[in-house]
């Protein structure tokens, strides 16, 4: 039974503790395999092609938000239970469907690092297909968030491991805090209230923009007000290749704004498309807008992607993870 496998993994951890071993048990686990954005779904073909599979696809394979070309949020790969051997057990993201009349504890159960690390395994336990589909629909957002969050964590952890600390020092001095930047990024521009950090190659350009904008301290500005002020700052600081060309927010697909709270920080997330006025460059962006430590200002941390030859989803997740890694200086030392 699947639960027995989880019990065995838990027992192994307990044995390390009981035995007084000073080593971290996780160091003996394999590293996860699979590509970013992939999810293995262990389920029989009939269920996969029926209501259960449809519910999973609606939860995880809907279009990723605010991309110039449609891409699924995750790529789902169906594996039957008979084929679910050691090769697939070390995959990064796994959904294991246990649909049997004998199932007693029904529900959706999320576990970390069962067969590898950093891994997420989501068990779907139901007595029949109809019940399983309802469970997925009821828990669609937690299922999506669990996989999305660990994908970001993997990138963020890699960023911290291979960080270029000199960039963080410059940004922190300007704004009182900074994201973490991996090696390969470098500072492209610094002014009194604007920093541009980029990772550029022949066919891709991943950028992080950090800047402040005025705030009256009374009412948080609307999306239109933020975009209007942001476009003024972009026009001034991010020129294009040709005269009178500059970065601005595209109106081809209206940007969206969503309030969030993460690590005790209240902020809004804005997603949309950027473009270069009087040129043909463009791509997706994601940004966080939060209260700056200095009164009367808002801090904006924007990640943008230019990758005309490639799909954009995984690149967006990369810059988004950098944006998410922002910490105030006082938090960096704790």
Protein backbone atom coordinates (compact mmCIF):
# COMPACT_ATOMS: atom_id res chain seq x y z
CA UNK A 1 0.00 0.00 0.00
CA UNK A 2 1.13 3.55 -0.74
CA UNK A 3 0.74 4.63 2.86
CA UNK A 4 3.07 1.86 3.93
CA UNK A 5 5.74 3.40 1.72
CA UNK A 6 5.33 6.73 3.50
CA UNK A 7 5.41 4.90 6.85
CA UNK A 8 8.64 3.18 5.83
CA UNK A 9 10.18 6.53 4.91
CA UNK A 10 9.10 8.00 8.25
CA UNK A 11 10.42 4.95 10.12
CA UNK A 12 13.78 5.32 8.42
CA UNK A 13 13.98 8.91 9.63
CA UNK A 14 13.06 7.88 13.15
CA UNK A 15 15.70 5.16 13.15
CA UNK A 16 18.37 7.74 12.36
CA UNK A 17 17.17 9.83 15.32
CA UNK A 18 16.84 6.87 17.69
CA UNK A 19 20.27 5.61 16.73
CA UNK A 20 21.84 8.92 17.66
CA UNK A 21 23.32 9.39 14.22
CA UNK A 22 24.68 12.91 13.91
CA UNK A 23 24.33 12.92 10.15
CA UNK A 24 21.30 14.47 8.52
CA UNK A 25 19.20 11.57 7.12
CA UNK A 26 18.28 13.69 4.12
CA UNK A 27 21.87 13.62 2.90
CA UNK A 28 21.42 9.93 2.08
CA UNK A 29 18.40 10.59 -0.15
CA UNK A 30 18.75 10.85 -3.90
CA UNK A 31 18.38 14.16 -5.65
CA UNK A 32 15.17 14.57 -7.60
CA UNK A 33 15.05 14.02 -11.34
CA UNK A 34 12.82 15.46 -14.06
CA UNK A 35 12.51 18.78 -15.81
CA UNK A 36 11.21 21.96 -14.21
CA UNK A 37 7.45 22.14 -14.48
CA UNK A 38 6.93 18.39 -14.94
CA UNK A 39 4.45 16.44 -12.82
CA UNK A 40 4.16 12.65 -12.90
CA UNK A 41 0.59 11.45 -12.35
CA UNK A 42 0.42 7.81 -11.22
CA UNK A 43 -3.04 6.63 -12.19
CA UNK A 44 -4.65 3.99 -14.39
CA UNK A 45 -5.39 4.89 -18.01
CA UNK A 46 -9.16 4.75 -17.63
CA UNK A 47 -9.16 7.27 -14.78
CA UNK A 48 -6.60 9.45 -16.56
CA UNK A 49 -8.79 9.65 -19.66
CA UNK A 50 -11.95 10.21 -17.59
CA UNK A 51 -13.22 12.69 -15.00
CA UNK A 52 -10.25 12.33 -12.65
CA UNK A 53 -7.73 13.12 -15.36
CA UNK A 54 -9.86 16.02 -16.59
CA UNK A 55 -10.00 17.47 -13.07
CA UNK A 56 -6.21 17.23 -12.75
CA UNK A 57 -5.68 18.85 -16.14
CA UNK A 58 -8.05 21.69 -15.23
CA UNK A 59 -6.11 22.18 -11.99
CA UNK A 60 -2.53 21.93 -13.24
CA UNK A 61 -2.45 22.18 -17.04
CA UNK A 62 -4.48 25.34 -17.58
CA UNK A 63 -2.56 28.15 -19.35
CA UNK A 64 0.14 29.83 -17.27
CA UNK A 65 -0.96 33.43 -16.63
CA UNK A 66 0.18 36.37 -18.70
CA UNK A 67 2.39 34.73 -21.31
CA UNK A 68 2.55 35.94 -24.92
CA UNK A 69 1.99 32.37 -26.18
CA UNK A 70 -0.17 29.83 -24.36
CA UNK A 71 1.76 27.33 -22.22
CA UNK A 72 0.38 24.98 -19.54
CA UNK A 73 1.21 25.80 -15.94
CA UNK A 74 2.66 22.28 -15.62
CA UNK A 75 3.40 19.43 -18.00
CA UNK A 76 1.56 16.32 -16.81
CA UNK A 77 2.96 12.86 -17.56
CA UNK A 78 0.74 9.84 -16.95
CA UNK A 79 2.38 6.71 -15.50
CA UNK A 80 0.48 3.56 -14.54
CA UNK A 81 1.10 1.95 -11.16
CA UNK A 82 2.78 -1.05 -12.78
CA UNK A 83 5.28 1.25 -14.46
CA UNK A 84 5.91 3.32 -11.34
CA UNK A 85 9.33 1.92 -10.45
CA UNK A 86 12.50 3.34 -8.91
CA UNK A 87 13.21 5.48 -11.98
CA UNK A 88 10.02 7.49 -11.51
CA UNK A 89 9.96 7.50 -7.69
CA UNK A 90 12.76 10.07 -7.62
CA UNK A 91 10.87 12.52 -9.81
CA UNK A 92 10.53 16.06 -8.50
CA UNK A 93 6.70 16.26 -8.50
CA UNK A 94 4.44 13.22 -8.11
CA UNK A 95 0.69 12.81 -7.81
CA UNK A 96 -0.25 9.28 -6.76
CA UNK A 97 -3.91 8.33 -7.13
CA UNK A 98 -5.19 5.55 -4.87
CA UNK A 99 -8.76 4.93 -6.00
CA UNK A 100 -10.18 1.77 -4.43
CA UNK A 101 -13.44 0.84 -2.66
CA UNK A 102 -11.41 -0.25 0.38
CA UNK A 103 -9.87 3.20 0.95
CA UNK A 104 -10.79 4.33 4.48
CA UNK A 105 -9.05 7.71 4.82
CA UNK A 106 -10.11 9.72 1.79
CA UNK A 107 -8.57 13.06 0.95
CA UNK A 108 -5.59 14.84 -0.56
CA UNK A 109 -2.34 14.41 1.38
CA UNK A 110 0.83 16.41 0.67
CA UNK A 111 4.22 15.05 1.71
CA UNK A 112 7.80 16.17 1.15
CA UNK A 113 10.94 14.19 0.36
CA UNK A 114 9.46 10.68 0.31
CA UNK A 115 11.91 9.03 -2.12
CA UNK A 116 14.20 11.94 -3.06
CA UNK A 117 14.80 15.59 -2.28
CA UNK A 118 13.59 18.24 -2.71
CA UNK A 119 10.45 16.32 -3.70
CA UNK A 120 6.72 16.75 -3.33
CA UNK A 121 4.33 13.79 -3.40
CA UNK A 122 0.58 14.38 -3.38
CA UNK A 123 -1.56 11.35 -2.58
CA UNK A 124 -5.13 11.34 -3.83
CA UNK A 125 -7.11 8.78 -1.83
CA UNK A 126 -10.71 8.04 -2.84
CA UNK A 127 -13.14 5.15 -3.01
CA UNK A 128 -14.19 5.80 -6.61
CA UNK A 129 -13.53 8.08 -9.57
CA UNK A 130 -16.43 10.42 -8.87
CA UNK A 131 -15.21 11.03 -5.33
CA UNK A 132 -11.64 11.51 -6.56
CA UNK A 133 -12.71 14.14 -9.10
CA UNK A 134 -14.64 16.03 -6.41
CA UNK A 135 -11.62 15.96 -4.10
CA UNK A 136 -9.44 17.45 -6.82
CA UNK A 137 -11.95 20.17 -7.60
CA UNK A 138 -12.36 21.01 -3.90
CA UNK A 139 -8.60 21.13 -3.33
CA UNK A 140 -7.51 22.49 -6.70
CA UNK A 141 -5.87 25.64 -5.33
CA UNK A 142 -3.92 23.89 -2.52
CA UNK A 143 -2.74 21.24 -5.00
CA UNK A 144 -1.58 23.88 -7.46
CA UNK A 145 0.04 26.02 -4.76
CA UNK A 146 1.93 23.08 -3.24
CA UNK A 147 3.62 22.20 -6.53
CA UNK A 148 4.11 25.80 -7.62
CA UNK A 149 5.71 26.72 -4.29
CA UNK A 150 8.25 23.90 -4.29
CA UNK A 151 9.21 24.71 -7.89
CA UNK A 152 10.00 28.25 -6.75
CA UNK A 153 11.81 26.98 -3.65
CA UNK A 154 14.11 24.80 -5.75
CA UNK A 155 15.17 27.77 -7.84
CA UNK A 156 15.48 30.04 -4.79
CA UNK A 157 17.62 27.49 -2.93
CA UNK A 158 19.88 27.12 -5.95
CA UNK A 159 20.12 30.90 -6.19
CA UNK A 160 21.25 31.18 -2.57
CA UNK A 161 23.72 28.33 -3.02
CA UNK A 162 25.34 29.95 -6.06
CA UNK A 163 24.73 33.56 -5.15
CA UNK A 164 26.65 36.59 -6.39
CA UNK A 165 26.63 38.49 -3.03
CA UNK A 166 28.20 41.68 -4.39
CA UNK A 167 24.97 42.52 -6.23
CA UNK A 168 22.87 42.09 -3.10
CA UNK A 169 25.20 44.47 -1.27
CA UNK A 170 24.66 47.22 -3.84
CA UNK A 171 20.88 46.78 -3.91
CA UNK A 172 20.65 46.61 -0.11
CA UNK A 173 22.60 49.85 0.25
CA UNK A 174 20.14 51.58 -2.08
CA UNK A 175 16.84 50.20 -0.81
CA UNK A 176 17.45 48.63 2.62
CA UNK A 177 16.94 45.12 1.26
CA UNK A 178 17.51 42.99 -1.79
CA UNK A 179 16.66 39.77 -3.61
CA UNK A 180 19.31 37.06 -3.93
CA UNK A 181 20.97 36.91 -7.36
CA UNK A 182 22.65 33.79 -8.77
CA UNK A 183 25.97 33.83 -10.56
CA UNK A 184 25.55 34.90 -14.16
CA UNK A 185 23.68 38.06 -13.20
CA UNK A 186 25.42 41.43 -13.22
CA UNK A 187 24.50 45.03 -12.54
CA UNK A 188 23.54 46.83 -15.73
CA UNK A 189 22.50 50.22 -14.34
CA UNK A 190 22.45 52.05 -11.00
CA UNK A 191 20.93 55.45 -10.25
CA UNK A 192 19.77 57.12 -7.06
CA UNK A 193 16.48 55.21 -6.97
CA UNK A 194 16.79 52.55 -9.68
CA UNK A 195 18.84 49.36 -10.12
CA UNK A 196 18.81 47.07 -13.16
CA UNK A 197 20.32 43.60 -12.83
CA UNK A 198 20.46 41.24 -15.81
CA UNK A 199 21.52 37.84 -17.07
CA UNK A 200 22.05 38.14 -20.82
CA UNK A 201 22.95 35.59 -23.47
CA UNK A 202 22.73 35.50 -27.25
CA UNK A 203 19.02 34.64 -27.32
CA UNK A 204 17.72 35.41 -23.81
CA UNK A 205 17.60 38.36 -21.45
CA UNK A 206 16.39 37.88 -17.89
CA UNK A 207 16.17 41.12 -15.97
CA UNK A 208 15.37 42.33 -12.46
CA UNK A 209 14.41 45.97 -11.95
CA UNK A 210 14.27 47.47 -8.45
CA UNK A 211 12.98 51.00 -7.98
CA UNK A 212 10.82 53.20 -5.78
CA UNK A 213 7.78 55.30 -6.57
CA UNK A 214 5.96 57.96 -4.51
CA UNK A 215 3.18 56.98 -2.11
CA UNK A 216 0.93 59.42 -0.27
CA UNK A 217 0.61 57.13 2.75
CA UNK A 218 -3.17 57.27 2.66
CA UNK A 219 -4.50 54.84 0.06
CA UNK A 220 -2.62 52.15 -1.83
CA UNK A 221 -2.61 53.13 -5.51
CA UNK A 222 -4.74 51.34 -8.06
CA UNK A 223 -3.32 49.13 -10.78
CA UNK A 224 -3.72 51.89 -13.36
CA UNK A 225 -1.92 54.38 -11.11
CA UNK A 226 0.98 51.98 -10.51
CA UNK A 227 1.34 51.19 -14.23
CA UNK A 228 1.21 54.89 -15.18
CA UNK A 229 3.99 55.81 -12.75
CA UNK A 230 5.95 52.67 -13.60
CA UNK A 231 5.88 53.49 -17.30
CA UNK A 232 7.37 56.91 -16.58
CA UNK A 233 10.22 55.26 -14.65
CA UNK A 234 10.80 52.63 -17.35
CA UNK A 235 10.87 55.22 -20.13
CA UNK A 236 13.53 57.15 -18.23
CA UNK A 237 15.70 54.19 -17.23
CA UNK A 238 15.29 51.31 -19.72
CA UNK A 239 16.04 52.49 -23.26
CA UNK A 240 15.62 50.33 -26.35
CA UNK A 241 18.14 49.78 -29.13
CA UNK A 242 16.86 52.60 -31.33
CA UNK A 243 16.30 56.32 -30.78
CA UNK A 244 13.08 57.11 -28.90
CA UNK A 245 12.57 53.44 -28.00
CA UNK A 246 12.04 52.40 -24.39
CA UNK A 247 10.49 49.74 -22.20
CA UNK A 248 6.81 50.13 -21.28
CA UNK A 249 3.83 48.03 -20.17
CA UNK A 250 1.95 46.38 -23.02
CA UNK A 251 -1.80 46.80 -23.31
CA UNK A 252 -2.21 43.74 -25.57
CA UNK A 253 -3.26 41.75 -22.51
CA UNK A 254 -4.31 43.91 -19.51
CA UNK A 255 -2.04 43.31 -16.48
CA UNK A 256 -3.49 41.80 -13.33
CA UNK A 257 -2.93 42.73 -9.68
CA UNK A 258 -3.40 40.36 -6.74
CA UNK A 259 -2.76 41.09 -3.02
CA UNK A 260 -0.59 38.61 -1.10
CA UNK A 261 1.14 38.12 2.24
CA UNK A 262 4.46 36.26 2.27
CA UNK A 263 7.02 36.06 5.09
CA UNK A 264 5.14 38.73 7.05
CA UNK A 265 5.28 41.10 4.08
CA UNK A 266 2.11 42.56 2.58
CA UNK A 267 2.47 43.24 -1.13
CA UNK A 268 0.65 43.10 -4.43
CA UNK A 269 1.73 40.94 -7.32
CA UNK A 270 1.35 42.35 -10.83
CA UNK A 271 1.65 40.15 -13.92
CA UNK A 272 1.55 41.32 -17.48
CA UNK A 273 3.45 41.86 -20.70
CA UNK A 274 6.10 44.45 -21.44
CA UNK A 275 7.15 45.82 -24.81
CA UNK A 276 9.60 48.29 -26.27
CA UNK A 277 7.94 51.36 -27.72
CA UNK A 278 8.95 51.97 -31.35
CA UNK A 279 10.50 48.50 -31.59
CA UNK A 280 9.34 44.88 -31.71
CA UNK A 281 10.78 43.49 -28.47
CA UNK A 282 8.57 42.26 -25.65
CA UNK A 283 7.78 39.48 -23.19
CA UNK A 284 6.20 38.67 -19.81
CA UNK A 285 6.92 40.24 -16.45
CA UNK A 286 5.99 39.64 -12.80
CA UNK A 287 6.54 42.14 -10.02
CA UNK A 288 5.93 42.76 -6.34
CA UNK A 289 4.94 46.17 -5.02
CA UNK A 290 5.33 46.71 -1.28
CA UNK A 291 5.75 49.47 1.24
CA UNK A 292 9.32 50.77 1.33
CA UNK A 293 11.02 51.23 4.66
CA UNK A 294 11.22 54.97 3.92
CA UNK A 295 7.82 56.58 4.43
CA UNK A 296 6.19 58.05 1.38
CA UNK A 297 7.48 55.44 -1.06
CA UNK A 298 6.59 52.09 -2.57
CA UNK A 299 9.25 49.57 -3.54
CA UNK A 300 8.88 47.70 -6.84
CA UNK A 301 10.80 44.52 -7.66
CA UNK A 302 10.12 43.43 -11.24
CA UNK A 303 11.38 40.38 -13.10
CA UNK A 304 11.07 40.33 -16.88
CA UNK A 305 11.88 37.84 -19.62
CA UNK A 306 12.99 38.28 -23.22
CA UNK A 307 13.35 34.94 -24.96
CA UNK A 308 11.89 35.17 -28.47
CA UNK A 309 13.12 31.72 -29.53
CA UNK A 310 11.91 29.80 -26.49
CA UNK A 311 8.91 29.04 -24.34
CA UNK A 312 8.72 31.51 -21.50
CA UNK A 313 7.11 29.69 -18.53
CA UNK A 314 10.24 28.34 -16.90
CA UNK A 315 12.12 31.58 -17.45
CA UNK A 316 9.29 33.48 -15.74
CA UNK A 317 9.51 31.09 -12.78
CA UNK A 318 13.24 31.81 -12.57
CA UNK A 319 12.89 35.58 -12.34
CA UNK A 320 9.81 35.19 -10.13
CA UNK A 321 11.87 33.16 -7.67
CA UNK A 322 14.43 35.95 -7.51
CA UNK A 323 11.66 38.48 -6.89
CA UNK A 324 10.24 36.23 -4.14
CA UNK A 325 13.64 36.00 -2.46
CA UNK A 326 13.64 39.69 -1.50
CA UNK A 327 14.50 40.31 2.15
CA UNK A 328 15.05 43.43 4.18
CA UNK A 329 18.59 43.79 5.49
CA UNK A 330 17.53 43.06 9.06
CA UNK A 331 16.01 39.75 7.92
CA UNK A 332 19.13 38.75 5.98
CA UNK A 333 21.17 38.68 9.17
CA UNK A 334 18.72 36.61 11.20
